[in-house]
C-alpha atoms as a PDB file:
ATOM      1  CA  MET A   1      -1.799 -72.839 149.316  1.00  0.00           C
ATOM      2  CA  LYS A   2       0.326 -73.123 152.308  1.00  0.00           C
ATOM      3  CA  LYS A   3       3.104 -71.192 150.810  1.00  0.00           C
ATOM      4  CA  ALA A   4       0.610 -68.259 149.898  1.00  0.00           C
ATOM      5  CA  VAL A   5      -0.618 -68.244 153.531  1.00  0.00           C
ATOM      6  CA  ALA A   6       2.989 -67.998 154.786  1.00  0.00           C
ATOM      7  CA  ALA A   7       3.777 -65.317 152.440  1.00  0.00           C
ATOM      8  CA  ILE A   8       0.806 -63.285 153.566  1.00  0.00           C
ATOM      9  CA  LEU A   9       1.552 -63.715 157.217  1.00  0.00           C
ATOM     10  CA  LEU A  10       5.332 -62.786 156.681  1.00  0.00           C
ATOM     11  CA  THR A  11       4.228 -59.668 154.790  1.00  0.00           C
ATOM     12  CA  PHE A  12       1.782 -58.615 157.471  1.00  0.00           C
ATOM     13  CA  ALA A  13       4.377 -59.238 160.084  1.00  0.00           C
ATOM     14  CA  SER A  14       6.905 -57.143 158.115  1.00  0.00           C
ATOM     15  CA  LEU A  15       4.424 -54.226 158.019  1.00  0.00           C
ATOM     16  CA  THR A  16       3.618 -54.622 161.637  1.00  0.00           C
ATOM     17  CA  THR A  17       7.208 -54.360 162.644  1.00  0.00           C
ATOM     18  CA  THR A  18       7.757 -51.395 160.346  1.00  0.00           C
ATOM     19  CA  ALA A  19       4.855 -49.801 162.105  1.00  0.00           C
ATOM     20  CA  GLN A  20       6.171 -50.667 165.513  1.00  0.00           C
ATOM     21  CA  ALA A  21       9.742 -49.202 164.448  1.00  0.00           C
ATOM     22  CA  ASP A  22       7.894 -45.897 163.127  1.00  0.00           C
ATOM     23  CA  CYS A  23       6.336 -45.620 166.479  1.00  0.00           C
ATOM     24  CA  TRP A  24       9.409 -46.192 168.609  1.00  0.00           C
ATOM     25  CA  ASP A  25      11.892 -44.377 166.401  1.00  0.00           C
ATOM     26  CA  SER A  26       9.589 -41.591 164.560  1.00  0.00           C
ATOM     27  CA  SER A  27      10.848 -37.897 164.785  1.00  0.00           C
ATOM     28  CA  CYS A  28       7.302 -37.292 166.056  1.00  0.00           C
ATOM     29  CA  ASN A  29       8.199 -38.380 169.556  1.00  0.00           C
ATOM     30  CA  ASP A  30       7.965 -35.449 172.041  1.00  0.00           C
ATOM     31  CA  CYS A  31      11.322 -33.741 172.049  1.00  0.00           C
ATOM     32  CA  CYS A  32      11.133 -32.036 175.148  1.00  0.00           C
ATOM     33  CA  PRO A  33       7.604 -32.682 176.896  1.00  0.00           C
ATOM     34  CA  ASP A  34       7.715 -29.877 179.568  1.00  0.00           C
ATOM     35  CA  ILE A  35       5.333 -27.171 178.272  1.00  0.00           C
ATOM     36  CA  THR A  36       2.426 -27.619 175.902  1.00  0.00           C
ATOM     37  CA  VAL A  37       0.440 -24.641 174.700  1.00  0.00           C
ATOM     38  CA  GLY A  38      -2.538 -25.080 172.272  1.00  0.00           C
ATOM     39  CA  VAL A  39      -5.846 -23.532 170.876  1.00  0.00           C
ATOM     40  CA  ASP A  40      -8.840 -25.364 169.362  1.00  0.00           C
ATOM     41  CA  TRP A  41     -11.463 -23.680 167.249  1.00  0.00           C
ATOM     42  CA  LEU A  42     -14.863 -25.035 167.989  1.00  0.00           C
ATOM     43  CA  TYR A  43     -17.923 -25.266 165.633  1.00  0.00           C
ATOM     44  CA  TRP A  44     -20.843 -26.603 167.818  1.00  0.00           C
ATOM     45  CA  SER A  45     -24.521 -26.778 167.780  1.00  0.00           C
ATOM     46  CA  PRO A  46     -26.556 -26.556 170.910  1.00  0.00           C
ATOM     47  CA  CYS A  47     -29.116 -29.272 171.413  1.00  0.00           C
ATOM     48  CA  ILE A  48     -31.718 -28.300 174.040  1.00  0.00           C
ATOM     49  CA  ASN A  49     -35.219 -29.574 174.290  1.00  0.00           C
ATOM     50  CA  ASP A  50     -38.444 -27.318 175.102  1.00  0.00           C
ATOM     51  CA  ARG A  51     -37.227 -24.474 172.888  1.00  0.00           C
ATOM     52  CA  HIS A  52     -40.585 -23.656 171.674  1.00  0.00           C
ATOM     53  CA  PHE A  53     -41.643 -20.094 171.726  1.00  0.00           C
ATOM     54  CA  ALA A  54     -45.129 -19.537 170.005  1.00  0.00           C
ATOM     55  CA  LEU A  55     -48.233 -21.133 168.813  1.00  0.00           C
ATOM     56  CA  THR A  56     -50.286 -20.229 165.767  1.00  0.00           C
ATOM     57  CA  THR A  57     -53.498 -21.738 164.344  1.00  0.00           C
ATOM     58  CA  ASP A  58     -55.711 -21.613 161.331  1.00  0.00           C
ATOM     59  CA  GLY A  59     -58.814 -22.491 163.462  1.00  0.00           C
ATOM     60  CA  VAL A  60     -58.249 -26.035 162.928  1.00  0.00           C
ATOM     61  CA  ASP A  61     -54.548 -26.992 163.281  1.00  0.00           C
ATOM     62  CA  VAL A  62     -52.137 -25.651 165.855  1.00  0.00           C
ATOM     63  CA  ASN A  63     -48.501 -25.135 164.800  1.00  0.00           C
ATOM     64  CA  THR A  64     -45.708 -24.927 167.421  1.00  0.00           C
ATOM     65  CA  HIS A  65     -42.702 -22.787 166.422  1.00  0.00           C
ATOM     66  CA  TYR A  66     -39.237 -23.543 167.751  1.00  0.00           C
ATOM     67  CA  PHE A  67     -35.799 -21.818 167.815  1.00  0.00           C
ATOM     68  CA  CYS A  68     -33.569 -23.483 165.292  1.00  0.00           C
ATOM     69  CA  ASN A  69     -30.255 -25.348 166.723  1.00  0.00           C
ATOM     70  CA  GLU A  70     -28.007 -22.898 164.995  1.00  0.00           C
ATOM     71  CA  TRP A  71     -23.885 -23.651 164.610  1.00  0.00           C
ATOM     72  CA  ASP A  72     -21.702 -21.158 166.108  1.00  0.00           C
ATOM     73  CA  PHE A  73     -18.034 -20.791 166.505  1.00  0.00           C
ATOM     74  CA  GLY A  74     -16.135 -21.058 169.667  1.00  0.00           C
ATOM     75  CA  SER A  75     -12.558 -21.484 171.095  1.00  0.00           C
ATOM     76  CA  ARG A  76     -10.774 -23.217 173.758  1.00  0.00           C
ATOM     77  CA  VAL A  77      -7.185 -22.720 174.977  1.00  0.00           C
ATOM     78  CA  TYR A  78      -5.035 -24.701 177.169  1.00  0.00           C
ATOM     79  CA  ALA A  79      -1.631 -25.019 178.588  1.00  0.00           C
ATOM     80  CA  LYS A  80       0.024 -28.241 179.978  1.00  0.00           C
ATOM     81  CA  LEU A  81       3.173 -28.534 182.493  1.00  0.00           C
ATOM     82  CA  GLY A  82       4.501 -32.103 181.391  1.00  0.00           C
ATOM     83  CA  ASN A  83       6.332 -34.374 184.063  1.00  0.00           C
ATOM     84  CA  TRP A  84       6.615 -31.443 186.614  1.00  0.00           C
ATOM     85  CA  TRP A  85       6.482 -33.781 189.756  1.00  0.00           C
ATOM     86  CA  ASN A  86       7.070 -37.497 190.037  1.00  0.00           C
ATOM     87  CA  GLY A  87       5.609 -38.207 186.449  1.00  0.00           C
ATOM     88  CA  PHE A  88       2.579 -35.997 187.109  1.00  0.00           C
ATOM     89  CA  ASN A  89       1.375 -33.293 184.675  1.00  0.00           C
ATOM     90  CA  GLY A  90      -0.721 -30.357 185.374  1.00  0.00           C
ATOM     91  CA  ALA A  91      -3.059 -28.350 182.860  1.00  0.00           C
ATOM     92  CA  LEU A  92      -5.431 -25.367 182.606  1.00  0.00           C
ATOM     93  CA  ILE A  93      -8.271 -25.588 179.979  1.00  0.00           C
ATOM     94  CA  TYR A  94     -10.509 -22.715 179.239  1.00  0.00           C
ATOM     95  CA  THR A  95     -13.447 -23.044 176.705  1.00  0.00           C
ATOM     96  CA  TYR A  96     -15.956 -20.204 175.543  1.00  0.00           C
ATOM     97  CA  ILE A  97     -18.779 -20.250 173.055  1.00  0.00           C
ATOM     98  CA  ASN A  98     -21.831 -17.960 172.432  1.00  0.00           C
ATOM     99  CA  PRO A  99     -24.353 -19.590 170.317  1.00  0.00           C
ATOM    100  CA  LYS A 100     -27.342 -17.349 169.098  1.00  0.00           C
ATOM    101  CA  THR A 101     -30.530 -17.646 167.083  1.00  0.00           C
ATOM    102  CA  SER A 102     -33.733 -15.670 166.205  1.00  0.00           C
ATOM    103  CA  SER A 103     -37.054 -15.944 164.506  1.00  0.00           C
ATOM    104  CA  SER A 104     -39.817 -13.879 163.373  1.00  0.00           C
ATOM    105  CA  LEU A 105     -43.682 -14.605 162.906  1.00  0.00           C
ATOM    106  CA  LYS A 106     -46.532 -12.780 161.346  1.00  0.00           C
ATOM    107  CA  SER A 107     -50.020 -14.281 161.772  1.00  0.00           C
ATOM    108  CA  ASP A 108     -53.616 -13.321 162.646  1.00  0.00           C
ATOM    109  CA  ALA A 109     -53.417 -15.009 165.914  1.00  0.00           C
ATOM    110  CA  ILE A 110     -49.919 -15.879 167.683  1.00  0.00           C
ATOM    111  CA  ILE A 111     -49.923 -17.068 171.246  1.00  0.00           C
ATOM    112  CA  LEU A 112     -46.844 -17.039 173.339  1.00  0.00           C
ATOM    113  CA  SER A 113     -45.999 -20.674 174.237  1.00  0.00           C
ATOM    114  CA  VAL A 114     -43.958 -19.980 177.278  1.00  0.00           C
ATOM    115  CA  ALA A 115     -45.662 -19.024 180.530  1.00  0.00           C
ATOM    116  CA  ALA A 116     -45.131 -15.496 181.593  1.00  0.00           C
ATOM    117  CA  PRO A 117     -45.640 -13.921 185.062  1.00  0.00           C
ATOM    118  CA  ASP A 118     -48.514 -11.888 183.570  1.00  0.00           C
ATOM    119  CA  GLU A 119     -51.186 -12.451 181.218  1.00  0.00           C
ATOM    120  CA  ILE A 120     -50.349 -11.852 177.475  1.00  0.00           C
ATOM    121  CA  PRO A 121     -53.204 -11.773 174.942  1.00  0.00           C
ATOM    122  CA  SER A 122     -52.707 -13.014 171.355  1.00  0.00           C
ATOM    123  CA  PHE A 123     -50.759 -10.897 168.913  1.00  0.00           C
ATOM    124  CA  ASN A 124     -49.921 -10.472 165.141  1.00  0.00           C
ATOM    125  CA  ASP A 125     -46.282 -10.006 164.940  1.00  0.00           C
ATOM    126  CA  LEU A 126     -43.345 -11.434 166.984  1.00  0.00           C
ATOM    127  CA  ASP A 127     -39.584 -11.163 167.053  1.00  0.00           C
ATOM    128  CA  ALA A 128     -37.816 -13.763 169.113  1.00  0.00           C
ATOM    129  CA  LYS A 129     -34.098 -14.094 170.078  1.00  0.00           C
ATOM    130  CA  TRP A 130     -32.292 -16.695 172.102  1.00  0.00           C
ATOM    131  CA  GLU A 131     -28.750 -16.605 173.340  1.00  0.00           C
ATOM    132  CA  LEU A 132     -26.295 -18.811 175.386  1.00  0.00           C
ATOM    133  CA  GLN A 133     -22.958 -17.748 176.922  1.00  0.00           C
ATOM    134  CA  TYR A 134     -21.050 -20.735 177.890  1.00  0.00           C
ATOM    135  CA  GLN A 135     -17.578 -20.907 179.666  1.00  0.00           C
ATOM    136  CA  THR A 136     -15.680 -23.408 181.615  1.00  0.00           C
ATOM    137  CA  LEU A 137     -12.324 -23.596 183.248  1.00  0.00           C
ATOM    138  CA  ASP A 138     -10.725 -26.928 184.133  1.00  0.00           C
ATOM    139  CA  ALA A 139      -7.626 -27.253 186.242  1.00  0.00           C
ATOM    140  CA  VAL A 140      -6.503 -30.904 186.280  1.00  0.00           C
ATOM    141  CA  LEU A 141      -3.608 -33.068 187.506  1.00  0.00           C
ATOM    142  CA  SER A 142      -2.729 -36.134 185.179  1.00  0.00           C
ATOM    143  CA  TYR A 143      -0.577 -39.131 185.194  1.00  0.00           C
ATOM    144  CA  SER A 144       0.435 -41.564 182.397  1.00  0.00           C
ATOM    145  CA  ILE A 145      -0.306 -45.239 182.850  1.00  0.00           C
ATOM    146  CA  ASP A 146       1.781 -47.943 180.965  1.00  0.00           C
ATOM    147  CA  VAL A 147      -0.791 -50.745 180.680  1.00  0.00           C
ATOM    148  CA  THR A 148       1.036 -52.228 177.564  1.00  0.00           C
ATOM    149  CA  GLN A 149       4.416 -52.779 176.479  1.00  0.00           C
ATOM    150  CA  ASN A 150       3.400 -50.937 173.343  1.00  0.00           C
ATOM    151  CA  ARG A 151       4.652 -47.504 173.248  1.00  0.00           C
ATOM    152  CA  CYS A 152       2.243 -46.617 170.349  1.00  0.00           C
ATOM    153  CA  PHE A 153      -0.696 -46.886 172.928  1.00  0.00           C
ATOM    154  CA  LYS A 154      -0.850 -44.370 175.696  1.00  0.00           C
ATOM    155  CA  ILE A 155      -3.485 -43.787 178.664  1.00  0.00           C
ATOM    156  CA  GLU A 156      -3.477 -40.688 180.707  1.00  0.00           C
ATOM    157  CA  VAL A 157      -5.809 -40.462 183.860  1.00  0.00           C
ATOM    158  CA  PHE A 158      -6.690 -37.215 185.214  1.00  0.00           C
ATOM    159  CA  SER A 159      -8.635 -35.547 188.077  1.00  0.00           C
ATOM    160  CA  GLY A 160      -9.172 -31.954 189.160  1.00  0.00           C
ATOM    161  CA  LEU A 161     -11.668 -29.162 189.377  1.00  0.00           C
ATOM    162  CA  THR A 162     -14.155 -27.762 186.868  1.00  0.00           C
ATOM    163  CA  TRP A 163     -15.820 -24.280 186.972  1.00  0.00           C
ATOM    164  CA  ILE A 164     -18.834 -23.635 184.759  1.00  0.00           C
ATOM    165  CA  ASP A 165     -20.597 -20.220 184.128  1.00  0.00           C
ATOM    166  CA  VAL A 166     -23.769 -20.147 181.838  1.00  0.00           C
ATOM    167  CA  LYS A 167     -25.832 -17.178 180.876  1.00  0.00           C
ATOM    168  CA  GLN A 168     -29.026 -17.871 178.897  1.00  0.00           C
ATOM    169  CA  LYS A 169     -31.498 -15.158 177.717  1.00  0.00           C
ATOM    170  CA  THR A 170     -34.516 -14.827 175.537  1.00  0.00           C
ATOM    171  CA  GLU A 171     -36.109 -11.654 174.154  1.00  0.00           C
ATOM    172  CA  TYR A 172     -39.607 -11.530 172.694  1.00  0.00           C
ATOM    173  CA  VAL A 173     -41.177  -8.231 170.992  1.00  0.00           C
ATOM    174  CA  PHE A 174     -44.635  -8.790 169.947  1.00  0.00           C
ATOM    175  CA  ASP A 175     -47.452  -6.263 168.534  1.00  0.00           C
ATOM    176  CA  LEU A 176     -50.793  -6.383 170.114  1.00  0.00           C
ATOM    177  CA  ASN A 177     -52.152  -4.483 167.165  1.00  0.00           C
ATOM    178  CA  GLU A 178     -54.112  -2.134 169.630  1.00  0.00           C
ATOM    179  CA  GLY A 179     -52.868   1.230 168.002  1.00  0.00           C
ATOM    180  CA  GLY A 180     -50.328   3.734 169.403  1.00  0.00           C
ATOM    181  CA  PHE A 181     -47.432   2.034 171.304  1.00  0.00           C
ATOM    182  CA  THR A 182     -48.522  -1.337 170.612  1.00  0.00           C
ATOM    183  CA  ASN A 183     -45.399  -3.374 171.248  1.00  0.00           C
ATOM    184  CA  ARG A 184     -44.815  -5.550 174.296  1.00  0.00           C
ATOM    185  CA  ASN A 185     -41.512  -6.958 175.467  1.00  0.00           C
ATOM    186  CA  PHE A 186     -40.878  -9.903 177.482  1.00  0.00           C
ATOM    187  CA  ASP A 187     -37.130 -10.468 178.529  1.00  0.00           C
ATOM    188  CA  ARG A 188     -35.946 -13.483 180.328  1.00  0.00           C
ATOM    189  CA  GLN A 189     -32.548 -14.264 181.824  1.00  0.00           C
ATOM    190  CA  ASN A 190     -31.158 -17.456 183.388  1.00  0.00           C
ATOM    191  CA  ASP A 191     -27.620 -17.439 184.917  1.00  0.00           C
ATOM    192  CA  PHE A 192     -25.913 -20.146 186.895  1.00  0.00           C
ATOM    193  CA  TRP A 193     -22.505 -20.957 187.913  1.00  0.00           C
ATOM    194  CA  ALA A 194     -21.046 -24.119 189.548  1.00  0.00           C
ATOM    195  CA  VAL A 195     -17.649 -25.739 190.738  1.00  0.00           C
ATOM    196  CA  GLY A 196     -16.734 -29.340 191.309  1.00  0.00           C
ATOM    197  CA  PRO A 197     -14.689 -32.347 190.750  1.00  0.00           C
ATOM    198  CA  CYS A 198     -13.984 -33.859 187.412  1.00  0.00           C
ATOM    199  CA  LEU A 199     -12.320 -37.563 186.688  1.00  0.00           C
ATOM    200  CA  GLY A 200     -11.375 -38.820 183.193  1.00  0.00           C
ATOM    201  CA  LEU A 201      -8.924 -40.316 180.943  1.00  0.00           C
ATOM    202  CA  ASN A 202      -7.230 -39.491 177.681  1.00  0.00           C
ATOM    203  CA  SER A 203      -6.034 -42.070 175.207  1.00  0.00           C
ATOM    204  CA  SER A 204      -4.025 -42.237 172.014  1.00  0.00           C
ATOM    205  CA  PHE A 205      -2.751 -44.544 169.556  1.00  0.00           C
ATOM    206  CA  SER A 206       0.039 -43.868 167.060  1.00  0.00           C
ATOM    207  CA  PHE A 207      -0.782 -46.015 163.965  1.00  0.00           C
ATOM    208  CA  PHE A 208       1.139 -44.442 161.064  1.00  0.00           C
ATOM    209  CA  ASP A 209       4.376 -42.403 161.075  1.00  0.00           C
ATOM    210  CA  CYS A 210       3.579 -39.124 162.699  1.00  0.00           C
ATOM    211  CA  PHE A 211      -0.430 -39.604 162.879  1.00  0.00           C
ATOM    212  CA  LYS A 212      -2.448 -40.811 165.906  1.00  0.00           C
ATOM    213  CA  ILE A 213      -6.098 -41.124 166.896  1.00  0.00           C
ATOM    214  CA  PHE A 214      -6.943 -39.968 170.276  1.00  0.00           C
ATOM    215  CA  GLY A 215     -10.012 -39.950 172.744  1.00  0.00           C
ATOM    216  CA  THR A 216     -11.180 -38.157 175.805  1.00  0.00           C
ATOM    217  CA  LEU A 217     -13.765 -39.097 178.422  1.00  0.00           C
ATOM    218  CA  LYS A 218     -14.635 -36.711 181.242  1.00  0.00           C
ATOM    219  CA  THR A 219     -17.087 -36.781 184.119  1.00  0.00           C
ATOM    220  CA  ASN A 220     -18.165 -34.134 186.408  1.00  0.00           C
ATOM    221  CA  LEU A 221     -20.299 -33.483 189.255  1.00  0.00           C
ATOM    222  CA  VAL A 222     -20.587 -29.576 190.298  1.00  0.00           C
ATOM    223  CA  VAL A 223     -22.445 -27.573 192.736  1.00  0.00           C
ATOM    224  CA  GLY A 224     -23.420 -24.035 192.420  1.00  0.00           C
ATOM    225  CA  GLU A 225     -26.187 -21.078 192.223  1.00  0.00           C
ATOM    226  CA  THR A 226     -28.646 -19.910 189.806  1.00  0.00           C
ATOM    227  CA  ALA A 227     -30.766 -16.871 189.413  1.00  0.00           C
ATOM    228  CA  SER A 228     -33.546 -15.913 186.965  1.00  0.00           C
ATOM    229  CA  LYS A 229     -35.273 -12.759 186.164  1.00  0.00           C
ATOM    230  CA  ASP A 230     -38.343 -12.351 183.931  1.00  0.00           C
ATOM    231  CA  VAL A 231     -39.352  -8.682 182.875  1.00  0.00           C
ATOM    232  CA  LEU A 232     -42.702  -7.711 180.987  1.00  0.00           C
ATOM    233  CA  PHE A 233     -42.617  -4.247 179.749  1.00  0.00           C
ATOM    234  CA  ARG A 234     -43.845  -1.944 177.095  1.00  0.00           C
ATOM    235  CA  LYS A 235     -42.661   1.240 175.174  1.00  0.00           C
ATOM    236  CA  VAL A 236     -44.311   4.629 176.212  1.00  0.00           C
ATOM    237  CA  ALA A 237     -43.746   8.403 175.264  1.00  0.00           C
ATOM    238  CA  GLY A 238     -40.915   9.772 177.326  1.00  0.00           C
ATOM    239  CA  ASP A 239     -40.816  13.122 179.192  1.00  0.00           C
ATOM    240  CA  GLU A 240     -38.950  14.908 176.035  1.00  0.00           C
ATOM    241  CA  LYS A 241     -40.478  15.182 172.878  1.00  0.00           C
ATOM    242  CA  ASP A 242     -40.130  12.057 170.377  1.00  0.00           C
ATOM    243  CA  SER A 243     -38.459  10.202 173.347  1.00  0.00           C
ATOM    244  CA  VAL A 244     -39.428   6.667 174.343  1.00  0.00           C
ATOM    245  CA  LYS A 245     -39.023   5.076 177.778  1.00  0.00           C
ATOM    246  CA  ASP A 246     -39.719   1.622 179.075  1.00  0.00           C
ATOM    247  CA  GLU A 247     -42.518   1.118 181.454  1.00  0.00           C
ATOM    248  CA  ILE A 248     -42.091  -2.065 183.522  1.00  0.00           C
ATOM    249  CA  LEU A 249     -45.430  -4.013 183.834  1.00  0.00           C
ATOM    250  CA  THR A 250     -44.037  -7.036 185.942  1.00  0.00           C
ATOM    251  CA  THR A 251     -40.867  -8.373 187.314  1.00  0.00           C
ATOM    252  CA  CYS A 252     -40.404 -11.872 188.485  1.00  0.00           C
ATOM    253  CA  LYS A 253     -36.881 -12.748 190.045  1.00  0.00           C
ATOM    254  CA  VAL A 254     -35.955 -16.350 191.128  1.00  0.00           C
ATOM    255  CA  LYS A 255     -32.654 -17.788 192.985  1.00  0.00           C
ATOM    256  CA  ASP A 256     -31.490 -21.269 193.953  1.00  0.00           C
ATOM    257  CA  ARG A 257     -28.484 -20.871 196.115  1.00  0.00           C
ATOM    258  CA  CYS A 258     -27.789 -24.557 195.866  1.00  0.00           C
ATOM    259  CA  PHE A 259     -28.238 -27.206 193.261  1.00  0.00           C
ATOM    260  CA  CYS A 260     -25.891 -30.096 191.834  1.00  0.00           C
ATOM    261  CA  LEU A 261     -25.700 -31.441 188.405  1.00  0.00           C
ATOM    262  CA  PRO A 262     -23.284 -34.083 186.734  1.00  0.00           C
ATOM    263  CA  GLY A 263     -21.776 -33.494 183.367  1.00  0.00           C
ATOM    264  CA  LEU A 264     -20.289 -35.626 180.667  1.00  0.00           C
ATOM    265  CA  HIS A 265     -17.616 -34.699 177.869  1.00  0.00           C
ATOM    266  CA  LEU A 266     -16.686 -37.051 175.275  1.00  0.00           C
ATOM    267  CA  ALA A 267     -14.155 -36.310 172.365  1.00  0.00           C
ATOM    268  CA  SER A 268     -12.369 -38.070 169.555  1.00  0.00           C
ATOM    269  CA  GLY A 269     -10.219 -37.276 166.539  1.00  0.00           C
ATOM    270  CA  ILE A 270      -6.950 -37.561 164.679  1.00  0.00           C
ATOM    271  CA  GLU A 271      -3.646 -35.570 165.273  1.00  0.00           C
ATOM    272  CA  TYR A 272      -0.593 -35.118 163.190  1.00  0.00           C
ATOM    273  CA  GLU A 273       2.689 -34.331 165.068  1.00  0.00           C
ATOM    274  CA  ILE A 274       6.157 -33.446 163.780  1.00  0.00           C
ATOM    275  CA  CYS A 275       9.275 -32.544 165.745  1.00  0.00           C
ATOM    276  CA  LEU A 276      11.358 -29.389 164.373  1.00  0.00           C
ATOM    277  CA  TYR A 277      14.084 -27.665 166.082  1.00  0.00           C
ATOM    278  CA  GLU A 278      13.367 -29.448 169.362  1.00  0.00           C
ATOM    279  CA  THR A 279       9.730 -28.265 169.276  1.00  0.00           C
ATOM    280  CA  THR A 280       6.847 -30.776 168.636  1.00  0.00           C
ATOM    281  CA  PHE A 281       3.991 -29.319 166.528  1.00  0.00           C
ATOM    282  CA  GLY A 282       0.525 -30.750 166.602  1.00  0.00           C
ATOM    283  CA  LEU A 283      -2.442 -30.383 164.293  1.00  0.00           C
ATOM    284  CA  ARG A 284      -5.593 -32.078 165.273  1.00  0.00           C
ATOM    285  CA  LEU A 285      -9.249 -32.489 164.132  1.00  0.00           C
ATOM    286  CA  GLY A 286     -12.172 -34.201 165.932  1.00  0.00           C
ATOM    287  CA  TRP A 287     -15.612 -34.305 167.176  1.00  0.00           C
ATOM    288  CA  GLU A 288     -16.803 -33.933 170.612  1.00  0.00           C
ATOM    289  CA  TYR A 289     -20.111 -34.038 172.785  1.00  0.00           C
ATOM    290  CA  VAL A 290     -20.708 -32.268 175.980  1.00  0.00           C
ATOM    291  CA  GLN A 291     -23.823 -32.730 178.193  1.00  0.00           C
ATOM    292  CA  TRP A 292     -24.807 -31.073 181.575  1.00  0.00           C
ATOM    293  CA  ILE A 293     -27.844 -33.175 182.835  1.00  0.00           C
ATOM    294  CA  ASN A 294     -30.640 -31.217 184.768  1.00  0.00           C
ATOM    295  CA  ALA A 295     -29.244 -27.804 184.290  1.00  0.00           C
ATOM    296  CA  PRO A 296     -31.016 -25.044 185.589  1.00  0.00           C
ATOM    297  CA  THR A 297     -33.185 -23.000 182.942  1.00  0.00           C
ATOM    298  CA  PHE A 298     -35.746 -20.425 182.661  1.00  0.00           C
ATOM    299  CA  PRO A 299     -38.655 -20.889 185.444  1.00  0.00           C
ATOM    300  CA  CYS A 300     -42.244 -21.853 184.776  1.00  0.00           C
ATOM    301  CA  TYR A 301     -45.498 -20.834 186.279  1.00  0.00           C
ATOM    302  CA  GLU A 302     -48.375 -22.535 187.686  1.00  0.00           C
ATOM    303  CA  LEU A 303     -50.951 -20.396 185.585  1.00  0.00           C
ATOM    304  CA  ASP A 304     -50.258 -17.936 182.920  1.00  0.00           C
ATOM    305  CA  GLY A 305     -50.148 -14.691 184.594  1.00  0.00           C
ATOM    306  CA  SER A 306     -50.574 -15.964 188.232  1.00  0.00           C
ATOM    307  CA  ARG A 307     -47.059 -14.801 188.994  1.00  0.00           C
ATOM    308  CA  VAL A 308     -46.799 -17.997 191.050  1.00  0.00           C
ATOM    309  CA  ARG A 309     -43.563 -20.004 190.192  1.00  0.00           C
ATOM    310  CA  SER A 310     -43.802 -23.982 189.792  1.00  0.00           C
ATOM    311  CA  ALA A 311     -41.188 -26.530 190.925  1.00  0.00           C
ATOM    312  CA  PRO A 312     -37.655 -25.535 189.894  1.00  0.00           C
ATOM    313  CA  SER A 313     -37.009 -25.928 186.102  1.00  0.00           C
ATOM    314  CA  THR A 314     -34.222 -27.896 184.825  1.00  0.00           C
ATOM    315  CA  ASN A 315     -33.185 -29.149 181.439  1.00  0.00           C
ATOM    316  CA  ASN A 316     -30.316 -30.966 179.681  1.00  0.00           C
ATOM    317  CA  LEU A 317     -27.878 -28.404 178.318  1.00  0.00           C
ATOM    318  CA  THR A 318     -26.225 -30.263 175.374  1.00  0.00           C
ATOM    319  CA  MET A 319     -23.708 -29.233 172.609  1.00  0.00           C
ATOM    320  CA  GLN A 320     -21.948 -31.210 170.061  1.00  0.00           C
ATOM    321  CA  GLY A 321     -19.712 -30.640 167.047  1.00  0.00           C
ATOM    322  CA  ILE A 322     -16.334 -30.434 165.540  1.00  0.00           C
ATOM    323  CA  PHE A 323     -12.879 -28.739 166.625  1.00  0.00           C
ATOM    324  CA  PHE A 324      -9.792 -27.989 164.701  1.00  0.00           C
ATOM    325  CA  GLY A 325      -6.703 -27.224 166.801  1.00  0.00           C
ATOM    326  CA  LEU A 326      -3.155 -26.412 166.844  1.00  0.00           C
ATOM    327  CA  ASN A 327      -0.599 -26.899 169.789  1.00  0.00           C
ATOM    328  CA  SER A 328       3.079 -26.862 170.487  1.00  0.00           C
ATOM    329  CA  THR A 329       5.468 -28.822 172.850  1.00  0.00           C
ATOM    330  CA  PHE A 330       8.645 -27.211 173.973  1.00  0.00           C
END
């Protein structure tokens, strides 16, 4: 029994030594870590609460209808200048995604579930659209920390500035079933931008030949401005024959010149690296989670049709999904 245990321990030790040698001597080590450029393809789904838009009833039960959390593609590009000053690295990272979704309803009595700046009666036909344009830019300075004697494990702390710009809009087109030009349109738009410091760390562990697992943790605290605009209008006959124009019924504008919100970004995945002709090529796949807490959103009103805005409206802007990327270091 003792011989069997000793044999197992020796076998494990030899495998560990081999893995350590692979980590130290593998051709996957950076050949010339000066400039890294890369691109990630994102496949994210927004997760935002209070995305209801209409109510329907059969006289007894009331059903609430929501926008679906659709999955959409986005992209991220980045460039990193490695070891450019006393072991410090600099990087620029730009992220963009534009998720959209829509829904249609037909019922005898549909009620818009979001408060409007003017009174809207029940209607029979509704087309609703939602869109989010999200982009961020990070400028960071990082430094690698040797916390262990194992070169397979790396930790890099970073700090810098984050800029975020978000444009969110919804469009509602409903038929009041009154004859003639019966459509009403209710368009809502909420924009905000902010900038502030970020702090976080990257970690990686090379576990087999050219493969490594990695993770990212980033926190933000940004300050910025937000503006919202709600417009209720209808289509009417234009001045020329067979022409149609918009008749504005109500417009409500809201602006906050200073707000603050924290952010969180988590990511993890696996990467394969190989060195060819003094250039390191990387292929990575992973999952990530992004959340902005108490982000500005569409305003609410004290009473439907009162045109009196309630307290500032906020919501958690959350997105999560997978990413697939390519990078090159030369």
